[in-house]
Amino acid sequence: MVTRSILIVEDEPAVALTFQHILKRSLEYNYSIQMVSSAEEALEAIKKAGTFDIVLLDYYLPGLTGGDFLRALRTRDQSTVVIVISASQEYKIVHDVFKLGADDYLTKEELSNSYVLEKAILAGLEKREYQKELNRSEVARQRIDAITTIIRTVHHELNNPMAIIDLALAKTTNAVEAGLPVNHAHLREIQENINRMADILRRLHGFRQENFNDELRGLKLFSLPDDSST
């Protein structure tokens, strides 16, 4: 069974123990539970632990409120599932906590049904997994876009020197077949453009995966002079 870390932020010990009792009966997860009684202690616990999978957060706390805690948490952590729990059904509080980034809001009256809490936790975790999958898909899409941009750019930049080489070779071949002296300017053009192509390939070889990001789209990676002289 998968273990999930959970932080209970509740200033009433009896209520916190009730939450703990509900969670320990879970058939879905093993919960590693830590309990604190204030928002300040919760922020310190997160600082020490790094992160928790879930936070059960009482809104009315001594000192900082649950809203204050949420505001501080979401500035650095968008992945933790936060379920706010309060005796209040006041619309403004519900509206504010969702605006601050809560995943759910439960009244303590609702928790008389022990399944309500776990259902909210499972829904929050499923939502986070879905968001992670969307993020992975977006990263993959950006990398594909970046690679496509590189391929198109390299194709374009190689075409120019290749066209010059083809033309210079054709002129040199015609001169040889006609018994005329070879124009050394054409040979220089061939060598110069071979060097340009080699430079493009060297740059491509040195290109690293961390550059495959959204900023690459529309970026001209290589800029070669448009030498159409013959």
C-alpha atoms as a PDB file:
ATOM      1  CA  MET A   1       0.000   0.000   0.000  1.00  0.00           C
ATOM      2  CA  VAL A   2       1.326   3.446  -0.959  1.00  0.00           C
ATOM      3  CA  THR A   3       2.306   5.786   1.879  1.00  0.00           C
ATOM      4  CA  ARG A   4       1.199   9.421   1.745  1.00  0.00           C
ATOM      5  CA  SER A   5       2.504  12.125   4.055  1.00  0.00           C
ATOM      6  CA  ILE A   6      -0.133  14.289   5.679  1.00  0.00           C
ATOM      7  CA  LEU A   7       0.079  17.344   7.912  1.00  0.00           C
ATOM      8  CA  ILE A   8      -2.876  18.072  10.194  1.00  0.00           C
ATOM      9  CA  VAL A   9      -3.063  21.734  11.226  1.00  0.00           C
ATOM     10  CA  GLU A  10      -5.671  21.899  13.992  1.00  0.00           C
ATOM     11  CA  ASP A  11      -5.607  23.711  17.333  1.00  0.00           C
ATOM     12  CA  GLU A  12      -8.226  21.477  18.988  1.00  0.00           C
ATOM     13  CA  PRO A  13      -6.491  18.217  20.017  1.00  0.00           C
ATOM     14  CA  ALA A  14      -9.723  16.201  20.077  1.00  0.00           C
ATOM     15  CA  VAL A  15     -10.560  17.207  16.495  1.00  0.00           C
ATOM     16  CA  ALA A  16      -7.011  16.462  15.314  1.00  0.00           C
ATOM     17  CA  LEU A  17      -7.200  12.999  16.896  1.00  0.00           C
ATOM     18  CA  THR A  18     -10.530  12.395  15.150  1.00  0.00           C
ATOM     19  CA  PHE A  19      -8.905  13.166  11.787  1.00  0.00           C
ATOM     20  CA  GLN A  20      -6.031  10.861  12.655  1.00  0.00           C
ATOM     21  CA  HIS A  21      -8.440   8.063  13.582  1.00  0.00           C
ATOM     22  CA  ILE A  22     -10.317   8.428  10.269  1.00  0.00           C
ATOM     23  CA  LEU A  23      -7.097   8.359   8.251  1.00  0.00           C
ATOM     24  CA  LYS A  24      -5.674   5.315  10.003  1.00  0.00           C
ATOM     25  CA  ARG A  25      -8.719   3.311   8.868  1.00  0.00           C
ATOM     26  CA  SER A  26      -8.040   4.124   5.205  1.00  0.00           C
ATOM     27  CA  LEU A  27      -8.126   1.240   2.742  1.00  0.00           C
ATOM     28  CA  GLU A  28      -6.454   3.312  -0.004  1.00  0.00           C
ATOM     29  CA  TYR A  29      -3.225   4.578   1.571  1.00  0.00           C
ATOM     30  CA  ASN A  30      -0.972   4.333   4.566  1.00  0.00           C
ATOM     31  CA  TYR A  31      -0.777   7.846   5.965  1.00  0.00           C
ATOM     32  CA  SER A  32       2.352   9.162   7.636  1.00  0.00           C
ATOM     33  CA  ILE A  33       0.745  11.754   9.903  1.00  0.00           C
ATOM     34  CA  GLN A  34       2.203  14.802  11.622  1.00  0.00           C
ATOM     35  CA  MET A  35       0.052  17.119  13.732  1.00  0.00           C
ATOM     36  CA  VAL A  36       0.633  20.778  14.616  1.00  0.00           C
ATOM     37  CA  SER A  37      -1.618  23.329  16.286  1.00  0.00           C
ATOM     38  CA  SER A  38      -0.816  26.573  14.441  1.00  0.00           C
ATOM     39  CA  ALA A  39      -0.054  27.915  10.981  1.00  0.00           C
ATOM     40  CA  GLU A  40       3.385  29.018  12.171  1.00  0.00           C
ATOM     41  CA  GLU A  41       4.211  25.473  13.291  1.00  0.00           C
ATOM     42  CA  ALA A  42       2.857  24.146   9.987  1.00  0.00           C
ATOM     43  CA  LEU A  43       5.148  26.396   7.941  1.00  0.00           C
ATOM     44  CA  GLU A  44       8.101  25.302  10.069  1.00  0.00           C
ATOM     45  CA  ALA A  45       7.156  21.622   9.632  1.00  0.00           C
ATOM     46  CA  ILE A  46       7.018  22.064   5.847  1.00  0.00           C
ATOM     47  CA  LYS A  47      10.358  23.851   5.898  1.00  0.00           C
ATOM     48  CA  LYS A  48      11.911  20.884   7.705  1.00  0.00           C
ATOM     49  CA  ALA A  49      10.137  18.122   5.767  1.00  0.00           C
ATOM     50  CA  GLY A  50      10.395  19.761   2.355  1.00  0.00           C
ATOM     51  CA  THR A  51       6.819  18.966   1.421  1.00  0.00           C
ATOM     52  CA  PHE A  52       3.727  16.960   2.353  1.00  0.00           C
ATOM     53  CA  ASP A  53       1.328  15.208   0.013  1.00  0.00           C
ATOM     54  CA  ILE A  54      -1.702  16.561   1.875  1.00  0.00           C
ATOM     55  CA  VAL A  55      -2.432  19.291   4.405  1.00  0.00           C
ATOM     56  CA  LEU A  56      -5.646  19.257   6.450  1.00  0.00           C
ATOM     57  CA  LEU A  57      -6.006  22.872   7.494  1.00  0.00           C
ATOM     58  CA  ASP A  58      -8.287  24.382  10.102  1.00  0.00           C
ATOM     59  CA  TYR A  59      -9.235  27.886   9.011  1.00  0.00           C
ATOM     60  CA  TYR A  60      -9.537  29.516  12.432  1.00  0.00           C
ATOM     61  CA  LEU A  61      -6.174  29.163  14.138  1.00  0.00           C
ATOM     62  CA  PRO A  62      -4.374  31.148  16.834  1.00  0.00           C
ATOM     63  CA  GLY A  63      -2.032  33.676  15.217  1.00  0.00           C
ATOM     64  CA  LEU A  64      -1.966  33.264  11.436  1.00  0.00           C
ATOM     65  CA  THR A  65      -5.236  32.050   9.932  1.00  0.00           C
ATOM     66  CA  GLY A  66      -5.617  29.187   7.510  1.00  0.00           C
ATOM     67  CA  GLY A  67      -5.865  31.796   4.755  1.00  0.00           C
ATOM     68  CA  ASP A  68      -2.523  33.306   5.783  1.00  0.00           C
ATOM     69  CA  PHE A  69      -0.963  29.847   5.729  1.00  0.00           C
ATOM     70  CA  LEU A  70      -2.357  29.094   2.270  1.00  0.00           C
ATOM     71  CA  ARG A  71      -1.056  32.364   0.879  1.00  0.00           C
ATOM     72  CA  ALA A  72       2.434  31.636   2.219  1.00  0.00           C
ATOM     73  CA  LEU A  73       2.388  28.007   1.062  1.00  0.00           C
ATOM     74  CA  ARG A  74       1.261  28.673  -2.500  1.00  0.00           C
ATOM     75  CA  THR A  75       4.076  31.137  -3.129  1.00  0.00           C
ATOM     76  CA  ARG A  76       6.468  28.162  -3.093  1.00  0.00           C
ATOM     77  CA  ASP A  77       4.394  24.990  -3.385  1.00  0.00           C
ATOM     78  CA  GLN A  78       1.602  24.312  -5.871  1.00  0.00           C
ATOM     79  CA  SER A  79       1.636  20.535  -5.597  1.00  0.00           C
ATOM     80  CA  THR A  80       0.496  19.864  -2.020  1.00  0.00           C
ATOM     81  CA  VAL A  81      -3.196  19.015  -1.716  1.00  0.00           C
ATOM     82  CA  VAL A  82      -4.744  21.412   0.808  1.00  0.00           C
ATOM     83  CA  ILE A  83      -8.162  20.721   2.297  1.00  0.00           C
ATOM     84  CA  VAL A  84      -9.519  23.504   4.489  1.00  0.00           C
ATOM     85  CA  ILE A  85     -11.755  22.444   7.358  1.00  0.00           C
ATOM     86  CA  SER A  86     -13.895  24.853   9.343  1.00  0.00           C
ATOM     87  CA  ALA A  87     -17.102  25.082  11.327  1.00  0.00           C
ATOM     88  CA  SER A  88     -18.041  28.138   9.258  1.00  0.00           C
ATOM     89  CA  GLN A  89     -20.154  28.026   6.107  1.00  0.00           C
ATOM     90  CA  GLU A  90     -19.637  31.715   5.390  1.00  0.00           C
ATOM     91  CA  TYR A  91     -19.483  32.285   1.634  1.00  0.00           C
ATOM     92  CA  LYS A  92     -16.642  34.819   1.785  1.00  0.00           C
ATOM     93  CA  ILE A  93     -14.352  32.391   3.620  1.00  0.00           C
ATOM     94  CA  VAL A  94     -15.106  29.585   1.162  1.00  0.00           C
ATOM     95  CA  HIS A  95     -14.548  31.931  -1.785  1.00  0.00           C
ATOM     96  CA  ASP A  96     -11.291  33.285  -0.346  1.00  0.00           C
ATOM     97  CA  VAL A  97      -9.676  29.915   0.407  1.00  0.00           C
ATOM     98  CA  PHE A  98     -10.396  28.584  -3.073  1.00  0.00           C
ATOM     99  CA  LYS A  99      -8.983  31.774  -4.545  1.00  0.00           C
ATOM    100  CA  LEU A 100      -5.843  31.257  -2.441  1.00  0.00           C
ATOM    101  CA  GLY A 101      -5.374  27.740  -3.814  1.00  0.00           C
ATOM    102  CA  ALA A 102      -7.297  25.327  -1.585  1.00  0.00           C
ATOM    103  CA  ASP A 103      -8.306  22.055  -3.232  1.00  0.00           C
ATOM    104  CA  ASP A 104     -11.430  21.561  -1.142  1.00  0.00           C
ATOM    105  CA  TYR A 105     -13.406  23.047   1.732  1.00  0.00           C
ATOM    106  CA  LEU A 106     -15.200  20.878   4.258  1.00  0.00           C
ATOM    107  CA  THR A 107     -17.281  21.855   7.249  1.00  0.00           C
ATOM    108  CA  LYS A 108     -16.699  20.011  10.490  1.00  0.00           C
ATOM    109  CA  GLU A 109     -20.356  19.036  10.372  1.00  0.00           C
ATOM    110  CA  GLU A 110     -19.755  17.172   7.104  1.00  0.00           C
ATOM    111  CA  LEU A 111     -17.006  15.156   8.751  1.00  0.00           C
ATOM    112  CA  SER A 112     -19.536  13.310  10.873  1.00  0.00           C
ATOM    113  CA  ASN A 113     -19.444  10.989   7.854  1.00  0.00           C
ATOM    114  CA  SER A 114     -15.913   9.583   7.961  1.00  0.00           C
ATOM    115  CA  TYR A 115     -15.915   8.806   4.227  1.00  0.00           C
ATOM    116  CA  VAL A 116     -16.256  12.473   3.268  1.00  0.00           C
ATOM    117  CA  LEU A 117     -12.707  13.298   4.352  1.00  0.00           C
ATOM    118  CA  GLU A 118     -11.054  10.436   2.517  1.00  0.00           C
ATOM    119  CA  LYS A 119     -13.139  11.092  -0.583  1.00  0.00           C
ATOM    120  CA  ALA A 120     -11.890  14.704  -0.591  1.00  0.00           C
ATOM    121  CA  ILE A 121      -8.286  13.541  -0.143  1.00  0.00           C
ATOM    122  CA  LEU A 122      -8.537  11.001  -2.973  1.00  0.00           C
ATOM    123  CA  ALA A 123     -10.109  13.590  -5.281  1.00  0.00           C
ATOM    124  CA  GLY A 124      -7.321  16.055  -4.488  1.00  0.00           C
ATOM    125  CA  LEU A 125      -4.582  13.493  -5.145  1.00  0.00           C
ATOM    126  CA  GLU A 126      -6.189  12.413  -8.426  1.00  0.00           C
ATOM    127  CA  LYS A 127      -6.390  16.059  -9.490  1.00  0.00           C
ATOM    128  CA  ARG A 128      -2.668  16.513  -8.766  1.00  0.00           C
ATOM    129  CA  GLU A 129      -1.729  13.397 -10.754  1.00  0.00           C
ATOM    130  CA  TYR A 130      -3.795  14.649 -13.682  1.00  0.00           C
ATOM    131  CA  GLN A 131      -2.058  18.042 -13.523  1.00  0.00           C
ATOM    132  CA  LYS A 132       1.360  16.349 -13.470  1.00  0.00           C
ATOM    133  CA  GLU A 133       0.438  14.328 -16.546  1.00  0.00           C
ATOM    134  CA  LEU A 134      -0.686  17.496 -18.328  1.00  0.00           C
ATOM    135  CA  ASN A 135       2.606  19.164 -17.414  1.00  0.00           C
ATOM    136  CA  ARG A 136       4.595  16.190 -18.732  1.00  0.00           C
ATOM    137  CA  SER A 137       2.603  16.303 -21.974  1.00  0.00           C
ATOM    138  CA  GLU A 138       3.260  20.031 -22.334  1.00  0.00           C
ATOM    139  CA  VAL A 139       7.006  19.569 -21.798  1.00  0.00           C
ATOM    140  CA  ALA A 140       7.042  16.798 -24.412  1.00  0.00           C
ATOM    141  CA  ARG A 141       5.135  19.021 -26.857  1.00  0.00           C
ATOM    142  CA  GLN A 142       7.577  21.894 -26.337  1.00  0.00           C
ATOM    143  CA  ARG A 143      10.534  19.584 -26.965  1.00  0.00           C
ATOM    144  CA  ILE A 144       8.969  18.290 -30.166  1.00  0.00           C
ATOM    145  CA  ASP A 145       8.335  21.876 -31.294  1.00  0.00           C
ATOM    146  CA  ALA A 146      11.946  22.785 -30.508  1.00  0.00           C
ATOM    147  CA  ILE A 147      13.345  19.779 -32.373  1.00  0.00           C
ATOM    148  CA  THR A 148      11.108  20.557 -35.358  1.00  0.00           C
ATOM    149  CA  THR A 149      12.403  24.139 -35.363  1.00  0.00           C
ATOM    150  CA  ILE A 150      15.998  22.908 -35.310  1.00  0.00           C
ATOM    151  CA  ILE A 151      15.395  20.474 -38.176  1.00  0.00           C
ATOM    152  CA  ARG A 152      13.702  23.116 -40.319  1.00  0.00           C
ATOM    153  CA  THR A 153      16.389  25.685 -39.576  1.00  0.00           C
ATOM    154  CA  VAL A 154      19.268  23.314 -40.314  1.00  0.00           C
ATOM    155  CA  HIS A 155      17.550  22.190 -43.509  1.00  0.00           C
ATOM    156  CA  HIS A 156      17.190  25.803 -44.612  1.00  0.00           C
ATOM    157  CA  GLU A 157      20.742  26.776 -43.703  1.00  0.00           C
ATOM    158  CA  LEU A 158      22.281  23.729 -45.404  1.00  0.00           C
ATOM    159  CA  ASN A 159      20.324  24.321 -48.593  1.00  0.00           C
ATOM    160  CA  ASN A 160      22.033  27.647 -49.274  1.00  0.00           C
ATOM    161  CA  PRO A 161      25.681  26.436 -49.294  1.00  0.00           C
ATOM    162  CA  MET A 162      24.660  23.204 -51.044  1.00  0.00           C
ATOM    163  CA  ALA A 163      23.076  25.207 -53.860  1.00  0.00           C
ATOM    164  CA  ILE A 164      26.245  27.296 -54.210  1.00  0.00           C
ATOM    165  CA  ILE A 165      28.397  24.139 -54.254  1.00  0.00           C
ATOM    166  CA  ASP A 166      26.166  22.519 -56.907  1.00  0.00           C
ATOM    167  CA  LEU A 167      26.381  25.582 -59.123  1.00  0.00           C
ATOM    168  CA  ALA A 168      30.155  25.936 -58.723  1.00  0.00           C
ATOM    169  CA  LEU A 169      30.630  22.217 -59.439  1.00  0.00           C
ATOM    170  CA  ALA A 170      28.470  22.451 -62.555  1.00  0.00           C
ATOM    171  CA  LYS A 171      30.501  25.395 -63.857  1.00  0.00           C
ATOM    172  CA  THR A 172      33.780  23.637 -63.065  1.00  0.00           C
ATOM    173  CA  THR A 173      32.599  20.424 -64.767  1.00  0.00           C
ATOM    174  CA  ASN A 174      31.487  22.338 -67.855  1.00  0.00           C
ATOM    175  CA  ALA A 175      34.865  24.070 -68.054  1.00  0.00           C
ATOM    176  CA  VAL A 176      36.750  20.765 -67.782  1.00  0.00           C
ATOM    177  CA  GLU A 177      34.552  19.112 -70.409  1.00  0.00           C
ATOM    178  CA  ALA A 178      35.054  22.080 -72.738  1.00  0.00           C
ATOM    179  CA  GLY A 179      38.827  21.952 -72.238  1.00  0.00           C
ATOM    180  CA  LEU A 180      38.837  25.385 -70.606  1.00  0.00           C
ATOM    181  CA  PRO A 181      40.934  26.340 -67.580  1.00  0.00           C
ATOM    182  CA  VAL A 182      39.269  25.811 -64.197  1.00  0.00           C
ATOM    183  CA  ASN A 183      38.117  29.013 -62.512  1.00  0.00           C
ATOM    184  CA  HIS A 184      39.776  28.946 -59.078  1.00  0.00           C
ATOM    185  CA  ALA A 185      37.082  31.265 -57.712  1.00  0.00           C
ATOM    186  CA  HIS A 186      34.611  28.395 -58.146  1.00  0.00           C
ATOM    187  CA  LEU A 187      36.909  26.051 -56.228  1.00  0.00           C
ATOM    188  CA  ARG A 188      37.160  28.601 -53.411  1.00  0.00           C
ATOM    189  CA  GLU A 189      33.361  28.849 -53.317  1.00  0.00           C
ATOM    190  CA  ILE A 190      33.123  25.080 -52.987  1.00  0.00           C
ATOM    191  CA  GLN A 191      35.637  24.978 -50.125  1.00  0.00           C
ATOM    192  CA  GLU A 192      34.102  27.963 -48.306  1.00  0.00           C
ATOM    193  CA  ASN A 193      30.626  26.467 -48.387  1.00  0.00           C
ATOM    194  CA  ILE A 194      31.860  23.033 -47.325  1.00  0.00           C
ATOM    195  CA  ASN A 195      33.381  24.813 -44.322  1.00  0.00           C
ATOM    196  CA  ARG A 196      30.060  26.550 -43.639  1.00  0.00           C
ATOM    197  CA  MET A 197      28.211  23.244 -43.672  1.00  0.00           C
ATOM    198  CA  ALA A 198      30.793  21.707 -41.345  1.00  0.00           C
ATOM    199  CA  ASP A 199      30.332  24.649 -38.960  1.00  0.00           C
ATOM    200  CA  ILE A 200      26.557  24.127 -38.911  1.00  0.00           C
ATOM    201  CA  LEU A 201      26.996  20.442 -38.117  1.00  0.00           C
ATOM    202  CA  ARG A 202      29.483  21.246 -35.334  1.00  0.00           C
ATOM    203  CA  ARG A 203      26.980  23.644 -33.747  1.00  0.00           C
ATOM    204  CA  LEU A 204      24.241  21.057 -34.008  1.00  0.00           C
ATOM    205  CA  HIS A 205      26.453  18.425 -32.389  1.00  0.00           C
ATOM    206  CA  GLY A 206      27.076  20.737 -29.441  1.00  0.00           C
ATOM    207  CA  PHE A 207      23.416  21.527 -28.955  1.00  0.00           C
ATOM    208  CA  ARG A 208      22.153  20.237 -25.587  1.00  0.00           C
ATOM    209  CA  GLN A 209      18.811  18.961 -24.439  1.00  0.00           C
ATOM    210  CA  GLU A 210      18.300  21.774 -21.931  1.00  0.00           C
ATOM    211  CA  ASN A 211      17.948  24.151 -24.876  1.00  0.00           C
ATOM    212  CA  PHE A 212      14.840  22.320 -26.072  1.00  0.00           C
ATOM    213  CA  ASN A 213      12.297  24.674 -24.579  1.00  0.00           C
ATOM    214  CA  ASP A 214       9.587  27.083 -25.554  1.00  0.00           C
ATOM    215  CA  GLU A 215      12.067  29.880 -26.238  1.00  0.00           C
ATOM    216  CA  LEU A 216      13.441  27.986 -29.249  1.00  0.00           C
ATOM    217  CA  ARG A 217      10.262  28.295 -31.268  1.00  0.00           C
ATOM    218  CA  GLY A 218      10.782  30.871 -33.977  1.00  0.00           C
ATOM    219  CA  LEU A 219      14.466  31.285 -33.099  1.00  0.00           C
ATOM    220  CA  LYS A 220      16.913  31.325 -36.010  1.00  0.00           C
ATOM    221  CA  LEU A 221      19.720  29.152 -34.728  1.00  0.00           C
ATOM    222  CA  PHE A 222      22.184  29.703 -37.552  1.00  0.00           C
ATOM    223  CA  SER A 223      22.706  32.823 -39.592  1.00  0.00           C
ATOM    224  CA  LEU A 224      24.824  32.460 -42.720  1.00  0.00           C
ATOM    225  CA  PRO A 225      25.381  35.118 -45.380  1.00  0.00           C
ATOM    226  CA  ASP A 226      23.238  34.684 -48.460  1.00  0.00           C
ATOM    227  CA  ASP A 227      26.126  34.342 -50.906  1.00  0.00           C
ATOM    228  CA  SER A 228      24.597  33.933 -54.344  1.00  0.00           C
ATOM    229  CA  SER A 229      27.688  35.041 -56.244  1.00  0.00           C
ATOM    230  CA  THR A 230      28.964  32.718 -58.965  1.00  0.00           C
END
